[in-house]
Amino acid sequence: MAMLTHVSAGWEIRPHSRDDHTDIERVFSDCLYDFPWRDALKELEALHYSLRNASVLVASEPQAGVVGFLILHAGTRYVSHLFVERDWRLCGIAQGLLQVARGVAGGPLQLDVDTLNESAIATYRKLGWTEMVEHGRLGYRQTRFQGP
């Protein structure tokens, strides 16, 4: 059941199924290369925990399969994971995932962005997200954003 479809780009956003877990892990692992300061094993453990304990949305395309995903902790409106394959970035997938998640959560979302991830920070600012607080340890700091 598609919750949002981008007809011209060919992707749709839908709730995940257990069959999507391998593709979600593949997208996540590929994206982790962009974050060498992160501990990949700890990040995969956190991903597996969230897949079991939160709402998961996937963006999929008929030929490519899962090309992005978002994990929402609906009770707190917190997005713990939002990742899109490199080849599918700038196609509106992240914005679509956030739009659907906002509807599921029933209000503005919050998420954390690594301060070293300058392109993501610029994107959230451009989309009207508000920076709330910076936190973390030296070398691995994050900024908490709240969505419009």
N, C-alpha and C. Protein backbone atom coordinates (compact mmCIF):
# COMPACT_ATOMS: atom_id res chain seq x y z
N MET A 1 0.84 -1.18 0.00
CA MET A 1 0.00 0.00 0.00
C MET A 1 0.88 1.24 0.00
N ALA A 2 0.87 1.98 -1.07
CA ALA A 2 1.67 3.20 -1.17
C ALA A 2 1.01 4.32 -0.37
N MET A 3 1.83 5.04 0.39
CA MET A 3 1.35 6.17 1.16
C MET A 3 1.61 7.47 0.40
N LEU A 4 2.56 7.43 -0.54
CA LEU A 4 2.90 8.56 -1.38
C LEU A 4 3.57 8.00 -2.62
N THR A 5 3.20 8.50 -3.78
CA THR A 5 3.81 8.05 -5.03
C THR A 5 4.28 9.25 -5.81
N HIS A 6 5.50 9.18 -6.31
CA HIS A 6 6.03 10.21 -7.20
C HIS A 6 6.00 9.61 -8.60
N VAL A 7 4.93 9.92 -9.32
CA VAL A 7 4.66 9.27 -10.60
C VAL A 7 5.79 9.47 -11.61
N SER A 8 6.28 10.71 -11.75
CA SER A 8 7.29 10.97 -12.78
C SER A 8 8.65 10.35 -12.44
N ALA A 9 8.99 10.24 -11.16
CA ALA A 9 10.27 9.64 -10.77
C ALA A 9 10.15 8.13 -10.60
N GLY A 10 8.94 7.64 -10.43
CA GLY A 10 8.72 6.20 -10.36
C GLY A 10 8.87 5.56 -8.99
N TRP A 11 9.08 6.35 -7.94
CA TRP A 11 9.22 5.75 -6.62
C TRP A 11 7.95 5.94 -5.80
N GLU A 12 7.82 5.10 -4.78
CA GLU A 12 6.69 5.21 -3.86
C GLU A 12 7.18 5.04 -2.44
N ILE A 13 6.42 5.57 -1.50
CA ILE A 13 6.72 5.41 -0.08
C ILE A 13 5.62 4.55 0.51
N ARG A 14 6.06 3.56 1.28
CA ARG A 14 5.12 2.61 1.88
C ARG A 14 5.70 2.11 3.20
N PRO A 15 4.85 1.49 4.03
CA PRO A 15 5.38 0.84 5.24
C PRO A 15 6.30 -0.30 4.82
N HIS A 16 7.32 -0.56 5.61
CA HIS A 16 8.25 -1.64 5.27
C HIS A 16 7.62 -2.99 5.60
N SER A 17 8.20 -4.02 5.03
CA SER A 17 7.86 -5.39 5.39
C SER A 17 9.16 -6.09 5.79
N ARG A 18 9.05 -7.24 6.38
CA ARG A 18 10.25 -7.98 6.79
C ARG A 18 11.13 -8.30 5.58
N ASP A 19 10.52 -8.43 4.41
CA ASP A 19 11.29 -8.70 3.19
C ASP A 19 12.21 -7.55 2.82
N ASP A 20 11.97 -6.36 3.37
CA ASP A 20 12.77 -5.18 3.05
C ASP A 20 14.04 -5.07 3.90
N HIS A 21 14.17 -5.85 4.96
CA HIS A 21 15.28 -5.67 5.91
C HIS A 21 16.65 -5.76 5.25
N THR A 22 16.84 -6.70 4.35
CA THR A 22 18.14 -6.84 3.69
C THR A 22 18.45 -5.60 2.86
N ASP A 23 17.46 -5.09 2.13
CA ASP A 23 17.67 -3.88 1.31
C ASP A 23 17.90 -2.65 2.18
N ILE A 24 17.19 -2.55 3.30
CA ILE A 24 17.38 -1.43 4.22
C ILE A 24 18.81 -1.46 4.76
N GLU A 25 19.27 -2.63 5.16
CA GLU A 25 20.64 -2.76 5.67
C GLU A 25 21.66 -2.42 4.59
N ARG A 26 21.40 -2.80 3.35
CA ARG A 26 22.31 -2.48 2.24
C ARG A 26 22.39 -0.97 2.03
N VAL A 27 21.24 -0.30 1.98
CA VAL A 27 21.24 1.16 1.82
C VAL A 27 22.00 1.81 2.97
N PHE A 28 21.72 1.37 4.19
CA PHE A 28 22.35 1.93 5.37
C PHE A 28 23.86 1.73 5.35
N SER A 29 24.29 0.51 5.06
CA SER A 29 25.73 0.21 5.03
C SER A 29 26.45 1.02 3.96
N ASP A 30 25.84 1.16 2.79
CA ASP A 30 26.44 1.98 1.73
C ASP A 30 26.57 3.43 2.18
N CYS A 31 25.56 3.94 2.85
CA CYS A 31 25.58 5.34 3.29
C CYS A 31 26.60 5.57 4.41
N LEU A 32 26.88 4.54 5.20
CA LEU A 32 27.84 4.69 6.30
C LEU A 32 29.24 5.04 5.81
N TYR A 33 29.55 4.74 4.55
CA TYR A 33 30.85 5.12 4.01
C TYR A 33 31.05 6.63 4.04
N ASP A 34 29.95 7.38 4.01
CA ASP A 34 30.02 8.83 4.06
C ASP A 34 30.30 9.35 5.48
N PHE A 35 30.28 8.45 6.46
CA PHE A 35 30.46 8.84 7.86
C PHE A 35 31.56 8.01 8.51
N PRO A 36 32.82 8.20 8.10
CA PRO A 36 33.91 7.37 8.62
C PRO A 36 34.15 7.54 10.12
N TRP A 37 33.63 8.57 10.73
CA TRP A 37 33.80 8.79 12.16
C TRP A 37 32.84 7.91 12.98
N ARG A 38 31.91 7.25 12.33
CA ARG A 38 30.94 6.41 13.03
C ARG A 38 31.43 4.97 13.13
N ASP A 39 31.08 4.30 14.20
CA ASP A 39 31.40 2.88 14.41
C ASP A 39 30.32 2.05 13.71
N ALA A 40 30.67 1.44 12.59
CA ALA A 40 29.70 0.74 11.75
C ALA A 40 28.96 -0.37 12.50
N LEU A 41 29.66 -1.13 13.34
CA LEU A 41 29.00 -2.22 14.06
C LEU A 41 27.96 -1.70 15.04
N LYS A 42 28.30 -0.65 15.77
CA LYS A 42 27.33 -0.05 16.70
C LYS A 42 26.15 0.53 15.94
N GLU A 43 26.42 1.13 14.80
CA GLU A 43 25.34 1.72 14.00
C GLU A 43 24.40 0.63 13.47
N LEU A 44 24.95 -0.51 13.05
CA LEU A 44 24.10 -1.61 12.57
C LEU A 44 23.27 -2.20 13.71
N GLU A 45 23.84 -2.28 14.90
CA GLU A 45 23.07 -2.75 16.06
C GLU A 45 21.90 -1.80 16.35
N ALA A 46 22.17 -0.50 16.29
CA ALA A 46 21.10 0.48 16.52
C ALA A 46 20.03 0.38 15.44
N LEU A 47 20.44 0.15 14.20
CA LEU A 47 19.49 -0.01 13.11
C LEU A 47 18.60 -1.23 13.37
N HIS A 48 19.20 -2.37 13.71
CA HIS A 48 18.42 -3.59 13.95
C HIS A 48 17.42 -3.40 15.10
N TYR A 49 17.85 -2.71 16.15
CA TYR A 49 16.95 -2.43 17.27
C TYR A 49 15.77 -1.59 16.80
N SER A 50 16.07 -0.54 16.04
CA SER A 50 15.00 0.36 15.58
C SER A 50 14.05 -0.33 14.61
N LEU A 51 14.56 -1.23 13.79
CA LEU A 51 13.69 -1.96 12.86
C LEU A 51 12.64 -2.78 13.62
N ARG A 52 13.00 -3.23 14.82
CA ARG A 52 12.07 -4.03 15.62
C ARG A 52 11.14 -3.18 16.47
N ASN A 53 11.54 -1.94 16.78
CA ASN A 53 10.83 -1.19 17.81
C ASN A 53 10.27 0.16 17.37
N ALA A 54 10.23 0.41 16.08
CA ALA A 54 9.74 1.71 15.62
C ALA A 54 9.00 1.52 14.30
N SER A 55 8.40 2.59 13.81
CA SER A 55 7.73 2.58 12.51
C SER A 55 8.77 2.81 11.42
N VAL A 56 8.71 2.01 10.37
CA VAL A 56 9.68 2.11 9.30
C VAL A 56 8.96 2.35 7.98
N LEU A 57 9.40 3.37 7.27
CA LEU A 57 8.89 3.68 5.94
C LEU A 57 10.01 3.45 4.94
N VAL A 58 9.67 2.92 3.77
CA VAL A 58 10.66 2.75 2.72
C VAL A 58 10.21 3.46 1.46
N ALA A 59 11.20 3.94 0.72
CA ALA A 59 10.98 4.45 -0.63
C ALA A 59 11.49 3.37 -1.56
N SER A 60 10.64 2.94 -2.47
CA SER A 60 11.05 1.88 -3.38
C SER A 60 10.68 2.25 -4.80
N GLU A 61 11.44 1.66 -5.71
CA GLU A 61 11.23 1.86 -7.14
C GLU A 61 11.20 0.46 -7.76
N PRO A 62 10.30 0.21 -8.72
CA PRO A 62 10.12 -1.16 -9.22
C PRO A 62 11.40 -1.86 -9.65
N GLN A 63 12.30 -1.21 -10.36
CA GLN A 63 13.52 -1.87 -10.82
C GLN A 63 14.62 -1.87 -9.76
N ALA A 64 14.74 -0.81 -8.99
CA ALA A 64 15.84 -0.65 -8.04
C ALA A 64 15.55 -1.24 -6.66
N GLY A 65 14.30 -1.46 -6.33
CA GLY A 65 13.94 -1.93 -5.00
C GLY A 65 13.95 -0.78 -4.01
N VAL A 66 14.34 -1.06 -2.78
CA VAL A 66 14.39 -0.04 -1.73
C VAL A 66 15.54 0.92 -2.03
N VAL A 67 15.22 2.22 -2.12
CA VAL A 67 16.24 3.23 -2.42
C VAL A 67 16.40 4.23 -1.27
N GLY A 68 15.58 4.10 -0.24
CA GLY A 68 15.67 4.97 0.91
C GLY A 68 14.74 4.48 2.01
N PHE A 69 14.99 4.96 3.23
CA PHE A 69 14.13 4.56 4.34
C PHE A 69 14.20 5.59 5.45
N LEU A 70 13.18 5.55 6.30
CA LEU A 70 13.08 6.44 7.46
C LEU A 70 12.55 5.61 8.61
N ILE A 71 13.14 5.79 9.80
CA ILE A 71 12.66 5.12 11.00
C ILE A 71 12.15 6.19 11.95
N LEU A 72 10.87 6.03 12.32
CA LEU A 72 10.16 7.01 13.15
C LEU A 72 9.78 6.38 14.49
N HIS A 73 10.13 7.06 15.56
CA HIS A 73 9.67 6.71 16.89
C HIS A 73 8.48 7.62 17.14
N ALA A 74 7.29 7.13 16.77
CA ALA A 74 6.10 7.96 16.66
C ALA A 74 5.71 8.64 17.97
N GLY A 75 5.88 7.96 19.09
CA GLY A 75 5.50 8.55 20.37
C GLY A 75 6.23 9.83 20.70
N THR A 76 7.47 9.93 20.25
CA THR A 76 8.27 11.13 20.51
C THR A 76 8.46 11.98 19.25
N ARG A 77 7.92 11.49 18.12
CA ARG A 77 8.07 12.17 16.82
C ARG A 77 9.54 12.32 16.44
N TYR A 78 10.35 11.36 16.82
CA TYR A 78 11.79 11.42 16.57
C TYR A 78 12.16 10.49 15.42
N VAL A 79 12.91 11.02 14.47
CA VAL A 79 13.42 10.25 13.34
C VAL A 79 14.85 9.83 13.68
N SER A 80 15.05 8.54 13.89
CA SER A 80 16.39 8.07 14.25
C SER A 80 17.24 7.75 13.03
N HIS A 81 16.60 7.44 11.91
CA HIS A 81 17.33 7.09 10.69
C HIS A 81 16.60 7.66 9.48
N LEU A 82 17.35 8.29 8.60
CA LEU A 82 16.83 8.75 7.30
C LEU A 82 17.99 8.65 6.32
N PHE A 83 17.90 7.69 5.40
CA PHE A 83 18.99 7.45 4.46
C PHE A 83 18.43 7.19 3.07
N VAL A 84 19.11 7.74 2.07
CA VAL A 84 18.74 7.57 0.67
C VAL A 84 20.00 7.19 -0.11
N GLU A 85 19.87 6.20 -0.99
CA GLU A 85 21.01 5.81 -1.83
C GLU A 85 21.55 7.01 -2.59
N ARG A 86 22.87 7.05 -2.78
CA ARG A 86 23.52 8.17 -3.47
C ARG A 86 22.88 8.47 -4.83
N ASP A 87 22.63 7.44 -5.63
CA ASP A 87 22.08 7.64 -6.98
C ASP A 87 20.66 8.17 -6.97
N TRP A 88 19.98 8.13 -5.84
CA TRP A 88 18.59 8.56 -5.75
C TRP A 88 18.42 9.86 -4.96
N ARG A 89 19.52 10.45 -4.55
CA ARG A 89 19.42 11.72 -3.83
C ARG A 89 19.03 12.82 -4.80
N LEU A 90 18.44 13.85 -4.29
CA LEU A 90 17.97 15.01 -5.06
C LEU A 90 16.77 14.66 -5.96
N CYS A 91 16.07 13.58 -5.60
CA CYS A 91 14.87 13.17 -6.33
C CYS A 91 13.61 13.37 -5.48
N GLY A 92 13.75 14.02 -4.33
CA GLY A 92 12.60 14.28 -3.46
C GLY A 92 12.26 13.16 -2.51
N ILE A 93 13.08 12.11 -2.47
CA ILE A 93 12.76 10.96 -1.63
C ILE A 93 12.79 11.32 -0.14
N ALA A 94 13.84 11.96 0.31
CA ALA A 94 13.94 12.31 1.73
C ALA A 94 12.79 13.23 2.13
N GLN A 95 12.48 14.19 1.30
CA GLN A 95 11.38 15.10 1.59
C GLN A 95 10.04 14.34 1.63
N GLY A 96 9.87 13.39 0.72
CA GLY A 96 8.66 12.57 0.73
C GLY A 96 8.55 11.70 1.96
N LEU A 97 9.66 11.08 2.37
CA LEU A 97 9.67 10.27 3.58
C LEU A 97 9.31 11.12 4.80
N LEU A 98 9.88 12.32 4.87
CA LEU A 98 9.59 13.21 6.00
C LEU A 98 8.13 13.65 5.99
N GLN A 99 7.58 13.91 4.83
CA GLN A 99 6.18 14.32 4.71
C GLN A 99 5.25 13.22 5.22
N VAL A 100 5.49 12.00 4.78
CA VAL A 100 4.65 10.89 5.23
C VAL A 100 4.83 10.66 6.74
N ALA A 101 6.07 10.71 7.22
CA ALA A 101 6.33 10.52 8.65
C ALA A 101 5.64 11.58 9.50
N ARG A 102 5.64 12.81 9.03
CA ARG A 102 4.97 13.90 9.75
C ARG A 102 3.48 13.58 9.87
N GLY A 103 2.90 13.06 8.81
CA GLY A 103 1.49 12.67 8.85
C GLY A 103 1.24 11.53 9.82
N VAL A 104 2.11 10.53 9.83
CA VAL A 104 1.98 9.39 10.75
C VAL A 104 2.11 9.87 12.19
N ALA A 105 3.08 10.75 12.45
CA ALA A 105 3.35 11.24 13.81
C ALA A 105 2.31 12.26 14.27
N GLY A 106 1.65 12.90 13.33
CA GLY A 106 0.64 13.88 13.68
C GLY A 106 1.20 15.24 14.09
N GLY A 107 2.40 15.57 13.64
CA GLY A 107 2.97 16.87 13.97
C GLY A 107 4.42 16.96 13.57
N PRO A 108 5.07 18.06 13.97
CA PRO A 108 6.48 18.27 13.60
C PRO A 108 7.39 17.17 14.15
N LEU A 109 8.41 16.88 13.37
CA LEU A 109 9.38 15.84 13.73
C LEU A 109 10.65 16.45 14.28
N GLN A 110 11.45 15.62 14.94
CA GLN A 110 12.79 16.00 15.36
C GLN A 110 13.76 14.94 14.87
N LEU A 111 14.98 15.37 14.60
CA LEU A 111 16.04 14.45 14.20
C LEU A 111 17.38 15.08 14.52
N ASP A 112 18.41 14.25 14.55
CA ASP A 112 19.77 14.71 14.80
C ASP A 112 20.60 14.54 13.54
N VAL A 113 21.46 15.52 13.28
CA VAL A 113 22.34 15.49 12.11
C VAL A 113 23.77 15.69 12.60
N ASP A 114 24.68 14.84 12.11
CA ASP A 114 26.09 15.02 12.45
C ASP A 114 26.54 16.40 11.98
N THR A 115 27.27 17.12 12.83
CA THR A 115 27.71 18.46 12.44
C THR A 115 28.68 18.42 11.26
N LEU A 116 29.32 17.27 11.02
CA LEU A 116 30.21 17.13 9.87
C LEU A 116 29.44 16.89 8.56
N ASN A 117 28.15 16.64 8.65
CA ASN A 117 27.31 16.39 7.49
C ASN A 117 26.72 17.72 7.00
N GLU A 118 27.58 18.53 6.44
CA GLU A 118 27.20 19.90 6.07
C GLU A 118 26.10 19.96 5.02
N SER A 119 26.08 19.02 4.09
CA SER A 119 25.04 19.06 3.05
C SER A 119 23.66 18.79 3.66
N ALA A 120 23.57 17.87 4.61
CA ALA A 120 22.28 17.60 5.26
C ALA A 120 21.83 18.80 6.07
N ILE A 121 22.76 19.43 6.78
CA ILE A 121 22.41 20.61 7.58
C ILE A 121 21.88 21.71 6.68
N ALA A 122 22.55 21.95 5.57
CA ALA A 122 22.10 22.98 4.62
C ALA A 122 20.72 22.65 4.07
N THR A 123 20.48 21.37 3.79
CA THR A 123 19.18 20.95 3.26
C THR A 123 18.07 21.19 4.27
N TYR A 124 18.28 20.79 5.52
CA TYR A 124 17.24 21.00 6.54
C TYR A 124 16.97 22.48 6.75
N ARG A 125 18.00 23.28 6.76
CA ARG A 125 17.79 24.73 6.89
C ARG A 125 16.94 25.26 5.73
N LYS A 126 17.27 24.81 4.52
CA LYS A 126 16.54 25.24 3.32
C LYS A 126 15.07 24.82 3.38
N LEU A 127 14.80 23.68 3.99
CA LEU A 127 13.43 23.18 4.10
C LEU A 127 12.66 23.79 5.28
N GLY A 128 13.32 24.71 6.00
CA GLY A 128 12.64 25.41 7.08
C GLY A 128 12.72 24.75 8.45
N TRP A 129 13.62 23.78 8.60
CA TRP A 129 13.81 23.15 9.89
C TRP A 129 14.57 24.10 10.81
N THR A 130 14.34 24.00 12.11
CA THR A 130 14.95 24.87 13.10
C THR A 130 16.00 24.11 13.91
N GLU A 131 17.17 24.70 14.05
CA GLU A 131 18.22 24.11 14.87
C GLU A 131 17.90 24.39 16.33
N MET A 132 17.91 23.34 17.13
CA MET A 132 17.54 23.50 18.53
C MET A 132 18.74 23.51 19.47
N VAL A 133 19.60 22.49 19.36
CA VAL A 133 20.72 22.38 20.28
C VAL A 133 21.79 21.49 19.65
N GLU A 134 23.03 21.75 19.98
CA GLU A 134 24.13 20.89 19.55
C GLU A 134 24.53 20.04 20.75
N HIS A 135 24.84 18.77 20.49
CA HIS A 135 25.21 17.86 21.58
C HIS A 135 26.17 16.80 21.06
N GLY A 136 26.72 16.02 21.97
CA GLY A 136 27.64 14.95 21.60
C GLY A 136 29.02 15.17 22.17
N ARG A 137 29.93 14.32 21.73
CA ARG A 137 31.30 14.42 22.22
C ARG A 137 32.21 15.01 21.14
N LEU A 138 33.39 15.41 21.53
CA LEU A 138 34.35 16.00 20.60
C LEU A 138 34.61 15.04 19.44
N GLY A 139 34.55 15.55 18.24
CA GLY A 139 34.79 14.75 17.05
C GLY A 139 33.55 14.07 16.50
N TYR A 140 32.50 14.02 17.30
CA TYR A 140 31.26 13.40 16.85
C TYR A 140 30.10 14.14 17.50
N ARG A 141 29.83 15.30 16.95
CA ARG A 141 28.78 16.15 17.50
C ARG A 141 27.60 16.15 16.55
N GLN A 142 26.44 16.42 17.11
CA GLN A 142 25.22 16.47 16.32
C GLN A 142 24.43 17.72 16.66
N THR A 143 23.59 18.11 15.71
CA THR A 143 22.66 19.20 15.91
C THR A 143 21.25 18.62 15.85
N ARG A 144 20.45 18.96 16.85
CA ARG A 144 19.04 18.53 16.86
C ARG A 144 18.24 19.56 16.07
N PHE A 145 17.44 19.06 15.13
CA PHE A 145 16.57 19.89 14.30
C PHE A 145 15.12 19.54 14.60
N GLN A 146 14.27 20.56 14.50
CA GLN A 146 12.82 20.33 14.56
C GLN A 146 12.22 20.80 13.24
N GLY A 147 11.35 19.96 12.71
CA GLY A 147 10.75 20.25 11.41
C GLY A 147 9.66 21.31 11.50
N PRO A 148 9.35 21.84 10.34
CA PRO A 148 8.29 22.86 10.29
C PRO A 148 6.92 22.26 10.58
